[in-house]
C-alpha atoms as a PDB file:
ATOM      1  CA  UNK A   1      86.074  15.945  -8.011  1.00  0.00           C
ATOM      2  CA  UNK A   2      83.566  13.779  -6.143  1.00  0.00           C
ATOM      3  CA  UNK A   3      80.190  13.489  -7.769  1.00  0.00           C
ATOM      4  CA  UNK A   4      77.214  15.150  -5.853  1.00  0.00           C
ATOM      5  CA  UNK A   5      74.988  12.668  -3.715  1.00  0.00           C
ATOM      6  CA  UNK A   6      72.234  10.863  -5.323  1.00  0.00           C
ATOM      7  CA  UNK A   7      68.737  11.819  -4.689  1.00  0.00           C
ATOM      8  CA  UNK A   8      67.078   9.534  -2.071  1.00  0.00           C
ATOM      9  CA  UNK A   9      65.178   6.675  -3.672  1.00  0.00           C
ATOM     10  CA  UNK A  10      61.649   6.083  -2.271  1.00  0.00           C
ATOM     11  CA  UNK A  11      62.147   2.255  -2.709  1.00  0.00           C
ATOM     12  CA  UNK A  12      65.017   2.267  -0.168  1.00  0.00           C
ATOM     13  CA  UNK A  13      64.068   0.211   3.006  1.00  0.00           C
ATOM     14  CA  UNK A  14      63.036   2.522   5.734  1.00  0.00           C
ATOM     15  CA  UNK A  15      61.277   5.147   3.491  1.00  0.00           C
ATOM     16  CA  UNK A  16      57.637   5.316   3.729  1.00  0.00           C
ATOM     17  CA  UNK A  17      56.620   5.976   0.040  1.00  0.00           C
ATOM     18  CA  UNK A  18      52.936   5.533   0.895  1.00  0.00           C
ATOM     19  CA  UNK A  19      53.233   8.759   3.011  1.00  0.00           C
ATOM     20  CA  UNK A  20      53.431  10.960  -0.118  1.00  0.00           C
ATOM     21  CA  UNK A  21      50.256  13.002  -0.225  1.00  0.00           C
ATOM     22  CA  UNK A  22      49.204  11.999   3.175  1.00  0.00           C
ATOM     23  CA  UNK A  23      47.071  14.553   5.224  1.00  0.00           C
ATOM     24  CA  UNK A  24      48.871  15.875   8.320  1.00  0.00           C
ATOM     25  CA  UNK A  25      48.738  13.552  11.120  1.00  0.00           C
ATOM     26  CA  UNK A  26      46.979  16.147  13.370  1.00  0.00           C
ATOM     27  CA  UNK A  27      44.091  16.404  10.961  1.00  0.00           C
ATOM     28  CA  UNK A  28      43.733  12.579  10.730  1.00  0.00           C
ATOM     29  CA  UNK A  29      43.917  12.314  14.548  1.00  0.00           C
ATOM     30  CA  UNK A  30      41.230  15.208  14.879  1.00  0.00           C
ATOM     31  CA  UNK A  31      38.824  13.491  12.351  1.00  0.00           C
ATOM     32  CA  UNK A  32      39.420  10.014  13.946  1.00  0.00           C
ATOM     33  CA  UNK A  33      38.649  11.378  17.461  1.00  0.00           C
ATOM     34  CA  UNK A  34      35.620  13.222  16.236  1.00  0.00           C
ATOM     35  CA  UNK A  35      34.170  10.010  14.993  1.00  0.00           C
ATOM     36  CA  UNK A  36      35.233   8.009  17.939  1.00  0.00           C
ATOM     37  CA  UNK A  37      33.707  10.425  20.410  1.00  0.00           C
ATOM     38  CA  UNK A  38      30.572  11.121  18.452  1.00  0.00           C
ATOM     39  CA  UNK A  39      29.764   7.301  17.761  1.00  0.00           C
ATOM     40  CA  UNK A  40      30.995   6.202  21.278  1.00  0.00           C
ATOM     41  CA  UNK A  41      28.297   8.211  22.897  1.00  0.00           C
ATOM     42  CA  UNK A  42      25.774   5.952  21.283  1.00  0.00           C
ATOM     43  CA  UNK A  43      26.827   3.311  23.898  1.00  0.00           C
ATOM     44  CA  UNK A  44      24.342   4.972  26.318  1.00  0.00           C
ATOM     45  CA  UNK A  45      21.548   4.151  24.110  1.00  0.00           C
ATOM     46  CA  UNK A  46      22.757   0.642  23.892  1.00  0.00           C
ATOM     47  CA  UNK A  47      23.211   0.227  27.594  1.00  0.00           C
ATOM     48  CA  UNK A  48      19.691   1.492  28.218  1.00  0.00           C
ATOM     49  CA  UNK A  49      18.269  -0.626  25.502  1.00  0.00           C
ATOM     50  CA  UNK A  50      20.002  -3.689  26.493  1.00  0.00           C
ATOM     51  CA  UNK A  51      18.990  -3.350  30.236  1.00  0.00           C
ATOM     52  CA  UNK A  52      15.425  -2.824  29.030  1.00  0.00           C
ATOM     53  CA  UNK A  53      15.342  -6.042  27.168  1.00  0.00           C
ATOM     54  CA  UNK A  54      16.179  -7.916  30.216  1.00  0.00           C
ATOM     55  CA  UNK A  55      19.868  -8.501  30.094  1.00  0.00           C
ATOM     56  CA  UNK A  56      21.971  -7.953  33.160  1.00  0.00           C
ATOM     57  CA  UNK A  57      24.702  -5.213  33.429  1.00  0.00           C
ATOM     58  CA  UNK A  58      27.331  -7.933  33.122  1.00  0.00           C
ATOM     59  CA  UNK A  59      25.776  -9.324  30.013  1.00  0.00           C
ATOM     60  CA  UNK A  60      25.366  -6.000  28.506  1.00  0.00           C
ATOM     61  CA  UNK A  61      29.087  -5.040  29.121  1.00  0.00           C
ATOM     62  CA  UNK A  62      30.231  -8.284  27.827  1.00  0.00           C
ATOM     63  CA  UNK A  63      28.440  -7.652  24.495  1.00  0.00           C
ATOM     64  CA  UNK A  64      30.165  -4.420  24.040  1.00  0.00           C
ATOM     65  CA  UNK A  65      33.662  -5.738  25.155  1.00  0.00           C
ATOM     66  CA  UNK A  66      33.599  -8.979  23.130  1.00  0.00           C
ATOM     67  CA  UNK A  67      31.326  -8.200  20.153  1.00  0.00           C
ATOM     68  CA  UNK A  68      31.934  -4.489  19.523  1.00  0.00           C
ATOM     69  CA  UNK A  69      29.780  -3.935  16.526  1.00  0.00           C
ATOM     70  CA  UNK A  70      26.938  -1.678  17.480  1.00  0.00           C
ATOM     71  CA  UNK A  71      24.666  -2.555  14.718  1.00  0.00           C
ATOM     72  CA  UNK A  72      24.659  -6.310  15.695  1.00  0.00           C
ATOM     73  CA  UNK A  73      24.359  -5.466  19.294  1.00  0.00           C
ATOM     74  CA  UNK A  74      21.454  -3.351  18.797  1.00  0.00           C
ATOM     75  CA  UNK A  75      19.771  -5.878  16.420  1.00  0.00           C
ATOM     76  CA  UNK A  76      20.291  -8.673  19.193  1.00  0.00           C
ATOM     77  CA  UNK A  77      18.873  -6.677  22.054  1.00  0.00           C
ATOM     78  CA  UNK A  78      16.005  -5.243  19.794  1.00  0.00           C
ATOM     79  CA  UNK A  79      14.957  -8.583  18.810  1.00  0.00           C
ATOM     80  CA  UNK A  80      14.979  -9.890  22.424  1.00  0.00           C
ATOM     81  CA  UNK A  81      13.055  -7.004  23.614  1.00  0.00           C
ATOM     82  CA  UNK A  82      10.460  -7.723  20.948  1.00  0.00           C
ATOM     83  CA  UNK A  83      10.094 -11.114  22.283  1.00  0.00           C
ATOM     84  CA  UNK A  84      12.255 -12.942  19.683  1.00  0.00           C
ATOM     85  CA  UNK A  85      13.832 -16.358  20.372  1.00  0.00           C
ATOM     86  CA  UNK A  86      17.446 -15.941  21.603  1.00  0.00           C
ATOM     87  CA  UNK A  87      18.851 -18.149  18.921  1.00  0.00           C
ATOM     88  CA  UNK A  88      17.061 -16.471  16.179  1.00  0.00           C
ATOM     89  CA  UNK A  89      18.025 -13.107  17.572  1.00  0.00           C
ATOM     90  CA  UNK A  90      21.651 -14.047  17.771  1.00  0.00           C
ATOM     91  CA  UNK A  91      21.487 -15.463  14.053  1.00  0.00           C
ATOM     92  CA  UNK A  92      20.363 -12.140  12.931  1.00  0.00           C
ATOM     93  CA  UNK A  93      22.949 -10.180  14.739  1.00  0.00           C
ATOM     94  CA  UNK A  94      25.558 -12.579  13.359  1.00  0.00           C
ATOM     95  CA  UNK A  95      24.343 -12.122   9.679  1.00  0.00           C
ATOM     96  CA  UNK A  96      24.627  -8.313  10.338  1.00  0.00           C
ATOM     97  CA  UNK A  97      28.049  -8.535  11.549  1.00  0.00           C
ATOM     98  CA  UNK A  98      29.291 -10.517   8.574  1.00  0.00           C
ATOM     99  CA  UNK A  99      29.869  -7.439   6.726  1.00  0.00           C
ATOM    100  CA  UNK A 100      33.042  -6.740   8.804  1.00  0.00           C
ATOM    101  CA  UNK A 101      34.635  -9.680   7.266  1.00  0.00           C
ATOM    102  CA  UNK A 102      34.506  -7.949   3.970  1.00  0.00           C
ATOM    103  CA  UNK A 103      35.832  -4.799   5.413  1.00  0.00           C
ATOM    104  CA  UNK A 104      38.631  -6.831   6.889  1.00  0.00           C
ATOM    105  CA  UNK A 105      39.759  -8.018   3.245  1.00  0.00           C
ATOM    106  CA  UNK A 106      40.084  -4.494   2.236  1.00  0.00           C
ATOM    107  CA  UNK A 107      41.844  -3.212   5.307  1.00  0.00           C
ATOM    108  CA  UNK A 108      44.198  -5.989   5.451  1.00  0.00           C
ATOM    109  CA  UNK A 109      45.890  -4.664   2.012  1.00  0.00           C
ATOM    110  CA  UNK A 110      45.653  -1.031   2.963  1.00  0.00           C
ATOM    111  CA  UNK A 111      46.897  -1.309   6.422  1.00  0.00           C
ATOM    112  CA  UNK A 112      49.503  -4.214   5.951  1.00  0.00           C
ATOM    113  CA  UNK A 113      49.805  -4.704   9.735  1.00  0.00           C
ATOM    114  CA  UNK A 114      52.468  -7.035  11.178  1.00  0.00           C
ATOM    115  CA  UNK A 115      51.081 -10.628  11.567  1.00  0.00           C
ATOM    116  CA  UNK A 116      51.251 -10.350  15.469  1.00  0.00           C
ATOM    117  CA  UNK A 117      48.922  -7.368  15.457  1.00  0.00           C
ATOM    118  CA  UNK A 118      46.318  -8.535  12.969  1.00  0.00           C
ATOM    119  CA  UNK A 119      44.331 -10.742  15.530  1.00  0.00           C
ATOM    120  CA  UNK A 120      43.951  -7.731  17.973  1.00  0.00           C
ATOM    121  CA  UNK A 121      43.299  -5.294  15.001  1.00  0.00           C
ATOM    122  CA  UNK A 122      40.438  -7.492  13.732  1.00  0.00           C
ATOM    123  CA  UNK A 123      38.387  -6.716  16.794  1.00  0.00           C
ATOM    124  CA  UNK A 124      38.291  -3.116  15.611  1.00  0.00           C
ATOM    125  CA  UNK A 125      37.277  -3.691  12.161  1.00  0.00           C
ATOM    126  CA  UNK A 126      33.839  -2.060  11.994  1.00  0.00           C
ATOM    127  CA  UNK A 127      31.936   0.546  10.037  1.00  0.00           C
ATOM    128  CA  UNK A 128      33.630   3.557  11.501  1.00  0.00           C
ATOM    129  CA  UNK A 129      37.292   2.374  11.523  1.00  0.00           C
ATOM    130  CA  UNK A 130      36.914   1.346   7.843  1.00  0.00           C
ATOM    131  CA  UNK A 131      35.384   4.668   6.791  1.00  0.00           C
ATOM    132  CA  UNK A 132      38.184   6.792   8.469  1.00  0.00           C
ATOM    133  CA  UNK A 133      40.876   4.574   7.161  1.00  0.00           C
ATOM    134  CA  UNK A 134      39.505   4.498   3.468  1.00  0.00           C
ATOM    135  CA  UNK A 135      39.183   8.352   3.644  1.00  0.00           C
ATOM    136  CA  UNK A 136      42.981   8.687   3.945  1.00  0.00           C
ATOM    137  CA  UNK A 137      45.415   9.190   0.951  1.00  0.00           C
ATOM    138  CA  UNK A 138      48.135   6.879   2.227  1.00  0.00           C
ATOM    139  CA  UNK A 139      49.085   3.931   4.419  1.00  0.00           C
ATOM    140  CA  UNK A 140      50.481   6.032   7.307  1.00  0.00           C
ATOM    141  CA  UNK A 141      47.232   8.070   7.512  1.00  0.00           C
ATOM    142  CA  UNK A 142      45.144   4.939   7.210  1.00  0.00           C
ATOM    143  CA  UNK A 143      46.958   3.331  10.110  1.00  0.00           C
ATOM    144  CA  UNK A 144      46.664   6.463  12.375  1.00  0.00           C
ATOM    145  CA  UNK A 145      42.933   6.791  11.503  1.00  0.00           C
ATOM    146  CA  UNK A 146      42.288   3.130  12.195  1.00  0.00           C
ATOM    147  CA  UNK A 147      44.204   3.162  15.515  1.00  0.00           C
ATOM    148  CA  UNK A 148      42.742   6.314  16.872  1.00  0.00           C
ATOM    149  CA  UNK A 149      39.391   5.596  15.792  1.00  0.00           C
ATOM    150  CA  UNK A 150      39.350   2.155  17.176  1.00  0.00           C
ATOM    151  CA  UNK A 151      40.847   2.961  20.401  1.00  0.00           C
ATOM    152  CA  UNK A 152      38.770   6.002  21.225  1.00  0.00           C
ATOM    153  CA  UNK A 153      35.534   4.433  20.103  1.00  0.00           C
ATOM    154  CA  UNK A 154      36.260   1.034  21.880  1.00  0.00           C
ATOM    155  CA  UNK A 155      36.988   2.787  25.221  1.00  0.00           C
ATOM    156  CA  UNK A 156      34.189   5.285  25.062  1.00  0.00           C
ATOM    157  CA  UNK A 157      31.621   2.877  23.859  1.00  0.00           C
ATOM    158  CA  UNK A 158      32.311   0.435  26.550  1.00  0.00           C
ATOM    159  CA  UNK A 159      32.351   3.129  29.268  1.00  0.00           C
ATOM    160  CA  UNK A 160      28.858   4.597  28.068  1.00  0.00           C
ATOM    161  CA  UNK A 161      27.546   1.081  27.755  1.00  0.00           C
ATOM    162  CA  UNK A 162      28.344   0.551  31.475  1.00  0.00           C
ATOM    163  CA  UNK A 163      26.864   3.955  32.373  1.00  0.00           C
ATOM    164  CA  UNK A 164      23.875   3.465  30.375  1.00  0.00           C
ATOM    165  CA  UNK A 165      23.071  -0.006  31.682  1.00  0.00           C
ATOM    166  CA  UNK A 166      23.613   0.956  35.357  1.00  0.00           C
ATOM    167  CA  UNK A 167      21.645   4.327  34.986  1.00  0.00           C
ATOM    168  CA  UNK A 168      18.897   2.944  32.680  1.00  0.00           C
ATOM    169  CA  UNK A 169      16.036   4.081  34.936  1.00  0.00           C
ATOM    170  CA  UNK A 170      17.574   7.692  35.267  1.00  0.00           C
ATOM    171  CA  UNK A 171      18.298   8.132  31.529  1.00  0.00           C
ATOM    172  CA  UNK A 172      14.663   7.183  30.492  1.00  0.00           C
ATOM    173  CA  UNK A 173      13.729   6.985  26.830  1.00  0.00           C
ATOM    174  CA  UNK A 174      16.793   6.918  24.430  1.00  0.00           C
ATOM    175  CA  UNK A 175      14.438   7.853  21.490  1.00  0.00           C
ATOM    176  CA  UNK A 176      13.991  11.280  23.069  1.00  0.00           C
ATOM    177  CA  UNK A 177      17.688  11.849  23.306  1.00  0.00           C
ATOM    178  CA  UNK A 178      18.333  10.621  19.655  1.00  0.00           C
ATOM    179  CA  UNK A 179      21.536   8.751  20.868  1.00  0.00           C
ATOM    180  CA  UNK A 180      20.816   5.773  18.760  1.00  0.00           C
ATOM    181  CA  UNK A 181      20.898   7.898  15.683  1.00  0.00           C
ATOM    182  CA  UNK A 182      24.422   9.218  16.342  1.00  0.00           C
ATOM    183  CA  UNK A 183      26.257   6.171  14.934  1.00  0.00           C
ATOM    184  CA  UNK A 184      24.421   5.924  11.542  1.00  0.00           C
ATOM    185  CA  UNK A 185      24.545   9.677  11.063  1.00  0.00           C
ATOM    186  CA  UNK A 186      28.287   9.929  11.468  1.00  0.00           C
ATOM    187  CA  UNK A 187      28.842   7.004   9.227  1.00  0.00           C
ATOM    188  CA  UNK A 188      26.709   8.556   6.347  1.00  0.00           C
ATOM    189  CA  UNK A 189      28.490  11.867   6.833  1.00  0.00           C
ATOM    190  CA  UNK A 190      31.842   9.934   6.187  1.00  0.00           C
ATOM    191  CA  UNK A 191      30.499   7.997   3.294  1.00  0.00           C
ATOM    192  CA  UNK A 192      28.805  10.729   1.387  1.00  0.00           C
ATOM    193  CA  UNK A 193      31.914  12.613   0.263  1.00  0.00           C
ATOM    194  CA  UNK A 194      33.370   9.441  -1.184  1.00  0.00           C
ATOM    195  CA  UNK A 195      30.408   8.884  -3.470  1.00  0.00           C
ATOM    196  CA  UNK A 196      31.468  10.892  -6.402  1.00  0.00           C
ATOM    197  CA  UNK A 197      30.811   9.237  -9.867  1.00  0.00           C
ATOM    198  CA  UNK A 198      27.391   8.460 -11.273  1.00  0.00           C
ATOM    199  CA  UNK A 199      28.187   4.816 -11.042  1.00  0.00           C
ATOM    200  CA  UNK A 200      28.912   5.084  -7.486  1.00  0.00           C
ATOM    201  CA  UNK A 201      25.661   7.041  -6.793  1.00  0.00           C
ATOM    202  CA  UNK A 202      23.764   4.375  -8.697  1.00  0.00           C
ATOM    203  CA  UNK A 203      25.263   1.689  -6.455  1.00  0.00           C
ATOM    204  CA  UNK A 204      24.292   3.654  -3.333  1.00  0.00           C
ATOM    205  CA  UNK A 205      20.625   4.054  -4.708  1.00  0.00           C
ATOM    206  CA  UNK A 206      20.183   0.498  -5.422  1.00  0.00           C
ATOM    207  CA  UNK A 207      21.791  -0.569  -2.138  1.00  0.00           C
ATOM    208  CA  UNK A 208      19.304   1.575  -0.330  1.00  0.00           C
ATOM    209  CA  UNK A 209      16.267   0.304  -2.301  1.00  0.00           C
ATOM    210  CA  UNK A 210      17.309  -3.341  -1.655  1.00  0.00           C
ATOM    211  CA  UNK A 211      18.105  -2.691   2.002  1.00  0.00           C
ATOM    212  CA  UNK A 212      14.813  -0.886   2.732  1.00  0.00           C
ATOM    213  CA  UNK A 213      12.623  -2.951   0.473  1.00  0.00           C
ATOM    214  CA  UNK A 214      13.661  -6.241   1.935  1.00  0.00           C
ATOM    215  CA  UNK A 215      13.669  -4.937   5.545  1.00  0.00           C
ATOM    216  CA  UNK A 216       9.969  -6.062   6.257  1.00  0.00           C
ATOM    217  CA  UNK A 217      10.412  -9.557   4.748  1.00  0.00           C
ATOM    218  CA  UNK A 218      13.815 -10.808   5.798  1.00  0.00           C
ATOM    219  CA  UNK A 219      15.511 -11.484   9.120  1.00  0.00           C
ATOM    220  CA  UNK A 220      17.547  -8.677  10.709  1.00  0.00           C
ATOM    221  CA  UNK A 221      20.880  -8.479   9.198  1.00  0.00           C
ATOM    222  CA  UNK A 222      20.133 -10.168   5.986  1.00  0.00           C
ATOM    223  CA  UNK A 223      18.838  -7.029   4.037  1.00  0.00           C
ATOM    224  CA  UNK A 224      22.218  -5.478   4.773  1.00  0.00           C
ATOM    225  CA  UNK A 225      24.072  -8.426   3.043  1.00  0.00           C
ATOM    226  CA  UNK A 226      21.752  -8.558   0.132  1.00  0.00           C
ATOM    227  CA  UNK A 227      22.270  -4.847  -0.354  1.00  0.00           C
ATOM    228  CA  UNK A 228      25.869  -5.945  -1.426  1.00  0.00           C
ATOM    229  CA  UNK A 229      24.396  -7.179  -4.581  1.00  0.00           C
ATOM    230  CA  UNK A 230      23.884  -3.513  -5.749  1.00  0.00           C
ATOM    231  CA  UNK A 231      27.622  -3.609  -7.146  1.00  0.00           C
ATOM    232  CA  UNK A 232      27.125  -6.532  -9.544  1.00  0.00           C
ATOM    233  CA  UNK A 233      23.634  -5.316 -10.584  1.00  0.00           C
ATOM    234  CA  UNK A 234      24.934  -1.905 -11.457  1.00  0.00           C
ATOM    235  CA  UNK A 235      27.972  -3.217 -13.128  1.00  0.00           C
ATOM    236  CA  UNK A 236      25.803  -5.618 -15.253  1.00  0.00           C
ATOM    237  CA  UNK A 237      23.497  -2.767 -16.081  1.00  0.00           C
ATOM    238  CA  UNK A 238      26.452  -0.592 -17.096  1.00  0.00           C
ATOM    239  CA  UNK A 239      27.732  -3.421 -19.357  1.00  0.00           C
ATOM    240  CA  UNK A 240      24.481  -3.682 -21.116  1.00  0.00           C
ATOM    241  CA  UNK A 241      24.486  -0.002 -21.715  1.00  0.00           C
ATOM    242  CA  UNK A 242      27.861  -0.062 -23.094  1.00  0.00           C
ATOM    243  CA  UNK A 243      27.051  -2.963 -25.555  1.00  0.00           C
ATOM    244  CA  UNK A 244      23.946  -1.158 -26.839  1.00  0.00           C
ATOM    245  CA  UNK A 245      26.182   1.943 -27.380  1.00  0.00           C
ATOM    246  CA  UNK A 246      28.637   0.101 -29.228  1.00  0.00           C
ATOM    247  CA  UNK A 247      26.073  -1.602 -31.502  1.00  0.00           C
ATOM    248  CA  UNK A 248      24.584   1.748 -32.182  1.00  0.00           C
ATOM    249  CA  UNK A 249      27.836   3.221 -33.349  1.00  0.00           C
ATOM    250  CA  UNK A 250      28.543   0.218 -35.497  1.00  0.00           C
ATOM    251  CA  UNK A 251      25.159   0.822 -37.574  1.00  0.00           C
END
C-alpha cells in the first residue's frame, strides 16, 4: 500500500516561507497607495516653493526626478530662498539625504531584491517607502508595499511638482494650504504604532530633543543625523541601569 504524500516543506525552492503571516495583498496595496497619494500631493508645495526661490520650472522638475527626497529638496530651496550660498544649501540638503543610505542597509536585507533591480530600487529608498516596508510582516508584503508606495509617490510627486511650479502664482501661499505638512504628518502616523516599548519611546524622545535642540545651531540636515545618536545614548543608559540593579541585588 503506497504511503501518503509527505506534507510540503517550506524550505523547498519556489515556496515563499516569508509569506506566512503576511497581510492580504489588497490591504498592503491600499495602505501603500494612501501614503503615496497623501505625500505625493506635497509636490505642489515644493513646486511653488522652488519657483518662489528663483529656480526655473526645468530645474524644479529635475530636482524631483533626480533627487526624489522631499526633505532634502525643501531644505535646498528653502536655503536658497533665504539667500543662502548655493554650495552651502546643497551641502545641507546632502547631509539630510544621507539618512536614506541607512534605510538602504535595512531594506536590502528585508527585500532581498535581484541585483539587476537594486540600482533602480535605490532611487525609491526614502522615508515613506521604508516605513511602509518595515510595517509589513513578511518579505512579500514588504516588496509590495515598497513597490506600490515608491511608484505612486514618484509619479504623483513629479506631476504635482510640475503643476506647482507652473501655477505658482495661481496657487499662492502654500502655508495657507498646509501642503508642506502632509509628508511629515503621514510619516509620523506610520511610525507611531511601531513605537511600542519603553525603550523605543525613550529613543524617540531623545531623538526629538537632539533634533529640535540642535536645529538653531547646526546646518540644515545635520540635526537629523545627530538625532541618530539617540540609540546608543539610550542603550548606554539602559546598560548603566542594569548594572546598578545587578549590584543592588548582590548586596
